[in-house]
């Protein structure tokens, strides 16, 4: 377990679709997702990593509440020097719910990170499945974007970008399910929900067709009270 952590964190994080932050940290959540994708390692939990951090190899790692790194790192992440060698097409995967927004507004990084792209379709699908079991694969015209002033930074076999306008992105048409906007769903919900009447505590709404008093439905007739029935009976005696 210790050797696997050292290889992922210190040697080839890009081979696992991972991009450390500027201080070399990777979150436990991302690390576990990558480990679970490896055959035979699906059993690993945070507790197994904690065992390593308490064992004889603990001096190899530095960890905080939500992230971990190794102290001896063999990789470099240079976000100051743009890559001068780009493949014509790079790939990226997005969540199905974000597909329409990306095609209309472009790609933007999540939080403080960067958009992660790769010339390998399987790699970007692997990354995308961590957020959506069936991500949408998109193409990015990398050389054309670079010629128009957009910058890409290489990290192993991955490429990073700050953003990507929609004119450089192509992909499958947006599905009908995604085209249904939130406004459409709300409108459908309103038309299908029966009207409700506000009432104060202790009150209720009477439904006339369920009125238990059958005499109430007769027009012009009023139900006789028990006193009137008694008087009528006395007159007969």
Protein backbone atom coordinates (compact mmCIF):
# COMPACT_ATOMS: atom_id res chain seq x y z
CA UNK A 1 0.00 0.00 0.00
CA UNK A 2 2.82 2.38 0.86
CA UNK A 3 4.57 1.71 -2.47
CA UNK A 4 1.36 2.37 -4.39
CA UNK A 5 0.84 5.70 -2.62
CA UNK A 6 4.43 6.75 -3.28
CA UNK A 7 4.11 5.89 -6.98
CA UNK A 8 0.80 7.72 -7.44
CA UNK A 9 1.64 10.80 -5.41
CA UNK A 10 5.34 11.08 -6.09
CA UNK A 11 6.03 9.62 -9.53
CA UNK A 12 3.10 9.57 -11.98
CA UNK A 13 -0.08 11.25 -10.75
CA UNK A 14 -0.98 12.11 -14.34
CA UNK A 15 -1.16 8.41 -15.25
CA UNK A 16 -4.04 8.15 -12.77
CA UNK A 17 -5.78 11.29 -14.02
CA UNK A 18 -4.72 13.30 -10.97
CA UNK A 19 -3.44 16.87 -10.87
CA UNK A 20 -1.92 17.99 -7.54
CA UNK A 21 -2.29 21.53 -6.28
CA UNK A 22 0.62 23.97 -6.32
CA UNK A 23 1.98 22.46 -3.08
CA UNK A 24 1.80 18.87 -4.29
CA UNK A 25 -1.31 17.88 -2.35
CA UNK A 26 -4.08 15.62 -3.64
CA UNK A 27 -7.36 15.25 -1.78
CA UNK A 28 -8.15 11.92 -0.19
CA UNK A 29 -11.38 11.79 -2.19
CA UNK A 30 -9.57 12.08 -5.55
CA UNK A 31 -6.84 9.69 -4.45
CA UNK A 32 -9.31 7.00 -3.39
CA UNK A 33 -11.28 7.37 -6.61
CA UNK A 34 -8.11 6.77 -8.63
CA UNK A 35 -7.06 3.81 -6.47
CA UNK A 36 -10.48 2.17 -6.78
CA UNK A 37 -10.15 2.25 -10.57
CA UNK A 38 -7.10 -0.01 -10.41
CA UNK A 39 -7.84 -3.77 -10.64
CA UNK A 40 -7.67 -5.42 -7.23
CA UNK A 41 -7.62 -2.19 -5.24
CA UNK A 42 -11.34 -1.51 -4.92
CA UNK A 43 -11.32 -2.47 -1.23
CA UNK A 44 -9.09 0.43 -0.14
CA UNK A 45 -10.58 2.91 2.33
CA UNK A 46 -9.29 5.95 4.15
CA UNK A 47 -8.51 3.72 7.13
CA UNK A 48 -5.98 1.75 5.04
CA UNK A 49 -4.17 4.97 4.14
CA UNK A 50 -4.19 5.96 7.82
CA UNK A 51 -2.48 2.69 8.68
CA UNK A 52 0.37 3.60 6.32
CA UNK A 53 0.61 7.06 7.88
CA UNK A 54 1.01 5.45 11.30
CA UNK A 55 3.53 2.81 10.14
CA UNK A 56 7.23 2.71 9.41
CA UNK A 57 6.89 4.70 6.14
CA UNK A 58 5.05 7.64 7.69
CA UNK A 59 8.11 9.86 7.22
CA UNK A 60 7.55 9.70 3.43
CA UNK A 61 4.25 11.58 3.60
CA UNK A 62 2.83 14.87 4.70
CA UNK A 63 -0.89 15.02 5.28
CA UNK A 64 -3.63 17.36 6.45
CA UNK A 65 -7.33 16.87 7.20
CA UNK A 66 -8.50 16.40 3.62
CA UNK A 67 -5.35 16.00 1.52
CA UNK A 68 -2.01 14.22 1.33
CA UNK A 69 1.34 14.46 -0.49
CA UNK A 70 4.71 12.75 -0.56
CA UNK A 71 7.81 14.69 0.34
CA UNK A 72 9.96 13.25 -2.46
CA UNK A 73 8.24 14.22 -5.72
CA UNK A 74 9.69 13.30 -9.10
CA UNK A 75 7.29 15.34 -11.21
CA UNK A 76 7.06 19.05 -11.98
CA UNK A 77 3.96 21.17 -12.50
CA UNK A 78 4.85 24.38 -14.31
CA UNK A 79 1.89 26.71 -14.62
CA UNK A 80 3.98 29.67 -15.76
CA UNK A 81 5.31 28.33 -19.07
CA UNK A 82 2.69 27.50 -21.73
CA UNK A 83 3.21 24.36 -23.78
CA UNK A 84 4.61 24.99 -27.27
CA UNK A 85 3.79 21.52 -28.58
CA UNK A 86 0.12 20.65 -28.78
CA UNK A 87 -1.84 17.93 -30.56
CA UNK A 88 -4.48 19.32 -32.93
CA UNK A 89 -7.30 17.82 -30.88
CA UNK A 90 -7.58 17.37 -27.13
CA UNK A 91 -10.46 15.68 -25.34
CA UNK A 92 -12.40 16.54 -22.22
CA UNK A 93 -15.44 14.94 -20.58
CA UNK A 94 -18.26 16.76 -18.82
CA UNK A 95 -21.29 15.79 -16.79
CA UNK A 96 -24.47 15.26 -18.79
CA UNK A 97 -26.21 18.03 -16.84
CA UNK A 98 -23.40 20.44 -17.75
CA UNK A 99 -23.32 19.50 -21.44
CA UNK A 100 -25.65 22.23 -22.67
CA UNK A 101 -24.00 24.93 -20.54
CA UNK A 102 -20.55 23.99 -21.84
CA UNK A 103 -21.69 24.11 -25.46
CA UNK A 104 -23.23 27.55 -24.89
CA UNK A 105 -20.70 29.17 -22.54
CA UNK A 106 -17.53 27.13 -22.82
CA UNK A 107 -15.39 25.26 -20.33
CA UNK A 108 -14.45 26.70 -16.97
CA UNK A 109 -12.50 25.05 -14.17
CA UNK A 110 -14.12 23.90 -10.94
CA UNK A 111 -13.06 25.92 -7.90
CA UNK A 112 -9.41 26.92 -8.01
CA UNK A 113 -8.34 24.15 -10.38
CA UNK A 114 -7.97 24.08 -14.15
CA UNK A 115 -9.69 22.35 -17.01
CA UNK A 116 -8.01 18.95 -17.50
CA UNK A 117 -7.64 17.71 -21.09
CA UNK A 118 -5.85 14.81 -22.74
CA UNK A 119 -5.16 13.41 -26.21
CA UNK A 120 -6.34 10.06 -24.78
CA UNK A 121 -10.12 9.62 -24.87
CA UNK A 122 -10.07 6.78 -22.33
CA UNK A 123 -8.20 8.93 -19.84
CA UNK A 124 -10.67 11.82 -19.96
CA UNK A 125 -13.59 9.39 -19.71
CA UNK A 126 -11.92 7.85 -16.66
CA UNK A 127 -11.68 11.29 -15.08
CA UNK A 128 -15.23 12.15 -16.08
CA UNK A 129 -16.74 9.00 -14.56
CA UNK A 130 -15.67 10.25 -11.15
CA UNK A 131 -18.46 12.83 -11.39
CA UNK A 132 -20.90 11.17 -13.78
CA UNK A 133 -21.20 7.46 -14.63
CA UNK A 134 -21.87 8.36 -18.28
CA UNK A 135 -19.95 11.57 -19.04
CA UNK A 136 -20.12 13.33 -22.41
CA UNK A 137 -16.92 13.29 -24.47
CA UNK A 138 -16.06 16.60 -26.17
CA UNK A 139 -13.32 17.66 -28.57
CA UNK A 140 -11.24 20.79 -28.12
CA UNK A 141 -9.44 22.31 -31.10
CA UNK A 142 -6.26 22.91 -29.16
CA UNK A 143 -4.02 24.32 -31.90
CA UNK A 144 -6.71 26.69 -33.13
CA UNK A 145 -7.33 27.86 -29.56
CA UNK A 146 -3.60 28.36 -28.98
CA UNK A 147 -3.31 30.37 -32.19
CA UNK A 148 -6.02 32.64 -30.79
CA UNK A 149 -4.15 33.37 -27.59
CA UNK A 150 -5.36 30.62 -25.24
CA UNK A 151 -2.69 28.93 -23.18
CA UNK A 152 -2.20 25.27 -22.32
CA UNK A 153 0.14 23.85 -19.70
CA UNK A 154 1.46 20.31 -19.93
CA UNK A 155 1.59 17.96 -16.96
CA UNK A 156 2.86 14.56 -17.98
CA UNK A 157 0.33 13.23 -20.49
CA UNK A 158 -2.29 15.77 -19.42
CA UNK A 159 -2.88 19.37 -20.47
CA UNK A 160 -4.36 22.11 -18.32
CA UNK A 161 -6.21 25.24 -19.37
CA UNK A 162 -7.84 28.12 -17.49
CA UNK A 163 -10.90 28.23 -19.73
CA UNK A 164 -12.12 27.36 -23.21
CA UNK A 165 -14.62 29.39 -25.28
CA UNK A 166 -17.41 27.40 -26.96
CA UNK A 167 -16.20 28.16 -30.50
CA UNK A 168 -13.28 25.77 -29.96
CA UNK A 169 -15.45 22.95 -28.59
CA UNK A 170 -17.34 20.33 -30.55
CA UNK A 171 -19.28 17.27 -29.52
CA UNK A 172 -22.54 15.34 -29.77
CA UNK A 173 -25.85 17.22 -29.77
CA UNK A 174 -27.37 17.96 -26.40
CA UNK A 175 -29.94 15.31 -25.41
CA UNK A 176 -33.63 16.19 -25.10
CA UNK A 177 -33.53 15.49 -21.37
CA UNK A 178 -30.88 18.15 -20.88
CA UNK A 179 -32.72 20.62 -23.12
CA UNK A 180 -35.63 20.65 -20.70
CA UNK A 181 -34.83 23.70 -18.64
CA UNK A 182 -35.55 24.20 -15.00
CA UNK A 183 -38.24 26.68 -15.96
CA UNK A 184 -39.98 24.05 -18.05
CA UNK A 185 -39.91 21.61 -15.16
CA UNK A 186 -41.28 24.19 -12.76
CA UNK A 187 -44.08 25.12 -15.16
CA UNK A 188 -44.99 21.45 -15.57
CA UNK A 189 -44.99 21.04 -11.81
CA UNK A 190 -47.31 24.00 -11.30
CA UNK A 191 -49.87 22.77 -13.84
CA UNK A 192 -49.93 19.28 -12.35
CA UNK A 193 -50.24 20.38 -8.70
CA UNK A 194 -53.80 21.08 -7.49
CA UNK A 195 -54.52 24.43 -5.94
CA UNK A 196 -54.16 24.65 -2.19
CA UNK A 197 -56.15 26.87 0.15
CA UNK A 198 -54.53 28.37 3.18
CA UNK A 199 -56.38 27.76 6.39
CA UNK A 200 -55.87 28.50 10.02
CA UNK A 201 -55.33 25.68 12.54
CA UNK A 202 -58.54 23.84 13.36
CA UNK A 203 -60.30 24.54 10.04
CA UNK A 204 -60.99 22.25 7.11
CA UNK A 205 -62.48 22.45 3.63
CA UNK A 206 -65.83 20.77 3.08
CA UNK A 207 -66.28 18.73 -0.09
CA UNK A 208 -70.00 18.86 -0.86
CA UNK A 209 -70.09 15.57 -2.73
CA UNK A 210 -68.81 13.84 0.40
CA UNK A 211 -71.20 15.57 2.83
CA UNK A 212 -72.46 12.92 5.30
CA UNK A 213 -75.75 14.80 5.75
CA UNK A 214 -77.86 13.62 2.82
CA UNK A 215 -80.70 16.03 3.71
CA UNK A 216 -78.44 19.02 3.09
CA UNK A 217 -78.60 18.39 -0.67
CA UNK A 218 -82.38 18.74 -0.92
CA UNK A 219 -83.34 22.21 -2.15
CA UNK A 220 -85.78 24.14 0.02
CA UNK A 221 -86.05 21.38 2.57
CA UNK A 222 -84.74 21.61 6.07
CA UNK A 223 -84.13 18.57 8.17
CA UNK A 224 -86.59 18.23 11.01
CA UNK A 225 -85.18 18.38 14.49
CA UNK A 226 -85.86 15.75 17.17
CA UNK A 227 -88.18 18.06 19.13
CA UNK A 228 -90.50 18.46 16.15
CA UNK A 229 -90.61 14.67 15.72
CA UNK A 230 -91.62 14.26 19.38
CA UNK A 231 -94.42 16.86 19.11
CA UNK A 232 -95.82 15.11 16.02
CA UNK A 233 -95.82 11.77 17.82
CA UNK A 234 -97.72 13.26 20.81
CA UNK A 235 -100.46 14.71 18.56
CA UNK A 236 -101.08 11.23 17.16
CA UNK A 237 -101.69 9.72 20.64
